[in-house]
Protein backbone atom coordinates (compact mmCIF):
# COMPACT_ATOMS: atom_id res chain seq x y z
CA MET A 1 -27.50 7.41 5.80
CA ASP A 2 -28.93 10.95 5.86
CA TYR A 3 -26.78 13.96 5.03
CA SER A 4 -26.83 17.49 3.66
CA ILE A 5 -24.60 18.92 0.92
CA THR A 6 -22.74 22.07 1.98
CA GLN A 7 -20.63 22.59 -1.16
CA LYS A 8 -20.42 21.22 -4.68
CA LEU A 9 -17.58 21.91 -7.13
CA THR A 10 -16.72 20.36 -10.49
CA TRP A 11 -13.12 19.28 -10.99
CA ASN A 12 -11.26 18.09 -14.07
CA CYS A 13 -9.86 14.59 -13.73
CA ARG A 14 -8.37 11.75 -15.77
CA LEU A 15 -7.94 8.01 -15.59
CA LEU A 16 -4.64 7.22 -13.86
CA SER A 17 -4.51 3.43 -13.89
CA VAL A 18 -6.47 0.36 -14.95
CA ILE A 19 -5.80 -2.78 -12.91
CA LYS A 20 -7.11 -6.30 -13.40
CA LYS A 21 -8.16 -7.99 -10.15
CA ARG A 22 -9.48 -11.37 -9.08
CA ASN A 23 -12.21 -12.03 -6.52
CA ARG A 24 -10.73 -14.54 -4.08
CA LYS A 25 -14.14 -15.95 -3.16
CA ASN A 26 -15.48 -16.91 -6.58
CA ASN A 27 -12.37 -16.41 -8.78
CA SER A 28 -14.23 -13.87 -10.96
CA ARG A 29 -12.33 -11.04 -12.65
CA PHE A 30 -12.97 -7.32 -12.43
CA ILE A 31 -11.28 -3.98 -13.19
CA VAL A 32 -10.23 -1.27 -10.74
CA ALA A 33 -10.04 2.12 -12.48
CA LYS A 34 -8.34 4.90 -10.50
CA TYR A 35 -9.08 8.55 -11.31
CA GLY A 36 -7.09 11.59 -10.22
CA LYS A 37 -6.70 15.33 -10.71
CA TYR A 38 -6.05 16.12 -14.34
CA ASP A 39 -3.11 18.46 -13.70
CA ASN A 40 -1.03 16.64 -11.10
CA GLY A 41 -2.40 13.07 -11.00
CA GLU A 42 -3.36 13.14 -7.31
CA LEU A 43 -5.62 10.15 -6.67
CA LEU A 44 -9.24 11.14 -6.00
CA PHE A 45 -11.38 8.00 -6.24
CA SER A 46 -11.68 4.58 -7.87
CA ILE A 47 -14.49 2.71 -9.63
CA ILE A 48 -15.02 -1.03 -10.12
CA TYR A 49 -15.87 -2.11 -13.68
CA ASP A 50 -16.63 -5.40 -15.37
CA GLU A 51 -13.65 -7.15 -16.97
CA SER A 52 -15.08 -6.47 -20.45
CA ALA A 53 -14.34 -2.74 -20.04
CA TYR A 54 -10.56 -3.27 -19.83
CA ASP A 55 -9.56 -2.41 -23.41
CA PHE A 56 -11.72 0.72 -23.54
CA LEU A 57 -10.44 1.95 -20.17
CA LYS A 58 -6.83 1.24 -21.13
CA MET A 59 -7.21 3.33 -24.26
CA ASP A 60 -8.87 6.12 -22.26
CA MET A 61 -5.96 6.13 -19.80
CA LYS A 62 -3.28 6.24 -22.49
CA SER A 63 -4.98 9.14 -24.30
CA HIS A 64 -5.26 11.22 -21.08
CA SER A 65 -8.92 11.89 -21.84
CA LEU A 66 -10.43 14.79 -19.91
CA HIS A 67 -13.20 13.87 -17.46
CA THR A 68 -15.12 15.79 -14.82
CA VAL A 69 -16.22 14.79 -11.33
CA ASP A 70 -18.17 16.54 -8.58
CA ARG A 71 -16.28 17.30 -5.38
CA ILE A 72 -19.02 17.33 -2.77
CA ALA A 73 -18.69 18.46 0.84
CA ILE A 74 -21.15 16.60 3.05
CA GLN A 75 -22.45 17.05 6.57
CA PRO A 76 -23.91 13.74 7.77
CA ASN A 77 -26.76 13.77 10.28
CA ILE A 78 -24.90 11.17 12.34
CA PRO A 79 -21.08 11.35 12.74
CA LEU A 80 -19.16 8.78 10.69
CA TYR A 81 -16.10 6.62 11.04
CA HIS A 82 -13.77 6.43 8.05
CA ILE A 83 -12.86 2.91 6.86
CA TYR A 84 -9.41 2.58 5.28
CA THR A 85 -9.41 1.40 1.65
CA TRP A 86 -6.70 0.74 -0.92
CA ASP A 87 -7.12 4.34 -2.11
CA ASP A 88 -5.91 5.44 1.32
CA VAL A 89 -2.85 3.22 0.93
CA GLU A 90 -1.98 4.92 -2.34
CA ASN A 91 -2.52 8.33 -0.75
CA GLU A 92 -0.25 7.24 2.14
CA LEU A 93 -2.93 7.61 4.80
CA CYS A 94 -2.37 4.05 6.00
CA SER A 95 -0.29 0.98 5.26
CA ARG A 96 -1.55 -2.12 3.47
CA GLU A 97 -2.09 -4.20 6.57
CA HIS A 98 -4.68 -1.72 7.90
CA VAL A 99 -7.10 -1.76 4.95
CA GLY A 100 -10.64 -2.32 6.25
CA GLU A 101 -9.94 -0.88 9.69
CA VAL A 102 -11.44 2.25 11.26
CA GLN A 103 -9.22 5.35 11.09
CA ARG A 104 -7.84 6.23 14.52
CA ASP A 105 -5.86 9.04 16.12
CA ASP A 106 -2.33 8.73 17.52
CA GLU A 107 -3.70 7.35 20.79
CA GLY A 108 -5.69 4.63 19.03
CA ASN A 109 -9.12 6.21 19.44
CA PRO A 110 -11.53 6.04 16.47
CA ILE A 111 -11.99 9.42 14.79
CA LYS A 112 -15.56 10.74 14.51
CA LEU A 113 -16.20 12.82 11.40
CA SER A 114 -18.97 15.42 11.08
CA GLN A 115 -17.70 16.86 7.76
CA ILE A 116 -16.44 14.80 4.83
CA VAL A 117 -15.67 15.23 1.13
CA VAL A 118 -16.70 12.70 -1.51
CA PHE A 119 -16.28 12.49 -5.29
CA ALA A 120 -19.31 11.53 -7.35
CA ASN A 121 -21.04 11.76 -10.73
CA LEU A 122 -18.14 11.13 -13.11
CA ASP A 123 -18.91 12.99 -16.38
CA ASN A 124 -22.34 13.95 -14.97
CA LYS A 125 -23.31 10.29 -14.74
CA LEU A 126 -24.42 8.32 -11.72
CA ARG A 127 -21.16 6.54 -11.00
CA PRO A 128 -19.88 6.77 -8.45
CA THR A 129 -22.94 7.89 -6.53
CA ILE A 130 -22.66 9.67 -3.20
CA GLN A 131 -24.22 6.68 -1.47
CA GLU A 132 -21.81 4.27 -3.16
CA THR A 133 -18.88 6.31 -1.86
CA LEU A 134 -20.34 6.54 1.64
CA ASP A 135 -20.94 2.78 1.78
CA LYS A 136 -17.40 2.07 0.62
CA HIS A 137 -15.48 4.49 2.82
CA TYR A 138 -17.60 5.27 5.90
CA ILE A 139 -19.89 3.82 8.54
CA ALA A 140 -22.22 5.65 10.94
CA ILE A 141 -21.16 5.55 14.58
CA ASN A 142 -24.59 4.17 15.51
CA SER A 143 -24.69 1.49 12.81
CA PRO A 144 -25.78 -1.96 14.10
CA ILE A 145 -22.58 -3.45 12.68
CA VAL A 146 -20.16 -0.69 13.70
CA GLY A 147 -18.75 -2.96 16.42
CA GLN A 148 -17.47 -5.37 13.78
CA PHE A 149 -15.44 -2.59 12.19
CA LEU A 150 -14.17 -1.22 15.49
CA ASN A 151 -12.98 -4.70 16.52
CA PHE A 152 -11.51 -5.59 13.13
CA ASN A 153 -7.72 -5.88 13.03
CA ASN A 154 -6.56 -6.62 9.52
CA GLU A 155 -2.84 -7.07 10.17
CA GLU A 156 -2.96 -10.82 10.96
CA HIS A 157 -5.41 -11.46 8.12
CA TYR A 158 -3.21 -9.44 5.75
CA TRP A 159 -0.07 -11.42 6.45
CA GLN A 160 -1.93 -14.71 6.17
CA LEU A 161 -3.01 -13.71 2.66
CA ARG A 162 0.53 -12.55 1.79
CA ASN A 163 1.99 -15.89 2.85
CA LYS A 164 -0.74 -17.75 0.95
CA ASP A 165 -0.01 -15.71 -2.20
CA LYS A 166 3.72 -16.29 -1.79
CA ASN A 167 3.28 -20.07 -1.52
CA GLN A 168 0.94 -20.05 -4.52
CA LYS A 169 3.41 -18.05 -6.63
CA GLU A 170 6.26 -20.39 -5.62
CA GLN A 171 4.14 -23.37 -6.69
CA GLU A 172 3.30 -21.67 -10.01
CA CYS A 173 7.00 -20.92 -10.60
CA GLN A 174 7.89 -24.57 -9.93
CA GLU A 175 5.16 -25.71 -12.33
CA ASP A 176 6.46 -23.29 -15.00
CA TYR A 177 10.01 -24.60 -14.47
CA ASP A 178 8.86 -28.23 -14.69
CA GLU A 179 6.99 -27.44 -17.92
CA TYR A 180 10.06 -25.68 -19.33
CA MET A 181 12.36 -28.60 -18.51
CA SER A 182 9.83 -31.02 -19.98
CA ASN A 183 9.80 -29.04 -23.22
CA VAL A 184 13.60 -28.92 -23.29
CA TYR A 185 13.85 -32.67 -22.77
CA GLU A 186 11.19 -33.34 -25.41
CA SER A 187 13.04 -31.11 -27.86
CA TYR A 188 16.30 -32.92 -27.07
CA GLU A 189 14.69 -36.34 -27.62
CA LYS A 190 13.21 -35.28 -30.95
CA ARG A 191 16.57 -33.92 -32.08
CA ARG A 192 18.42 -37.02 -30.91
CA CYS A 193 16.01 -39.29 -32.78
CA ALA A 194 16.32 -37.16 -35.88
CA GLU A 195 20.11 -37.28 -35.74
CA MET A 196 20.04 -41.08 -35.53
CA ASP A 197 18.65 -41.11 -39.07
CA MET A 198 21.32 -38.68 -40.37
CA THR A 199 24.44 -39.59 -42.26
CA GLU A 200 27.76 -38.63 -40.70
CA GLU A 201 28.06 -35.72 -43.15
CA ASP A 202 24.58 -34.46 -42.21
CA ARG A 203 25.43 -34.57 -38.51
CA ILE A 204 28.61 -32.54 -39.08
CA MET A 205 26.74 -29.91 -41.11
CA SER A 206 24.01 -29.69 -38.45
CA ALA A 207 26.62 -29.21 -35.71
CA LEU A 208 28.31 -26.44 -37.71
CA GLU A 209 24.98 -24.64 -38.25
CA ASP A 210 24.24 -24.80 -34.52
CA GLY A 211 27.70 -23.53 -33.52
CA ASN A 212 28.79 -26.91 -32.17
CA GLY A 213 31.52 -27.57 -34.69
CA GLU A 214 34.04 -28.22 -31.93
CA LEU A 215 32.34 -31.59 -31.41
CA TYR A 216 33.84 -32.64 -34.72
CA GLY A 217 37.13 -30.78 -34.41
CA PHE A 218 36.10 -27.59 -36.27
C-alpha cells in the first residue's frame, strides 16, 4: 500500500490497560496493551504482545510511565476503507457486533478515505509500524479481497460467539459448583468418621468449639 506522509507530530502517551486474551483457533494466550494520551487517557492505539510481557506491562501501566508516539497524517495513493476494530468500540465509533465490518455512512454506503491518521513508532521504536496499522485498520478500495470485507456482516457471527461463551461459562460454573459440593461432602465424611472415634465428652467439646452447642443442650 503506497502512501505519502503529510504531517508528523510526536505526542506523549501512556499505557492505559493490559488485557489477557485467548486465541479461539489454537487456544494460545496473548496480551492486548492499549495506549492513550498521557493527559486525558483518550485511547490512541493498541499493540499485541506475547503473554510473557504481562508482568512488565502491568507494572508500566500502574506507574503511569511516560511514552511517546508519532501521530502521522497519511495520504494514500489509493483511497481506503476503514475496518472497525475493538479500538473503535472503545472510542464509541461502533458497537461490538460490527467489529470487522467496513465503516459506512448513515445511508449504508462504504466511506472512502483519502486522508487518514495513524499512530506509530512507540518510543522511537518500530512498533507499531505504519504498515502494521494500515493492515489492521484499513483496506484499499481496489484490493483483490475488498469484496470479502464489503460483504462481511459480523452481527450474526458475534451473537453466535456470545451464546457459545455463555453456554461455556454456564458449564464452567456448574463444574465449579459440583467440585465445591464434592469437597463439602468429602469434608463432612472425614469429620463424621473422625467423630465416630471420639468419646462423648470429645464430641461435646468439638460441638462447642464449632458453635453447635445447641445440639447438646448448651
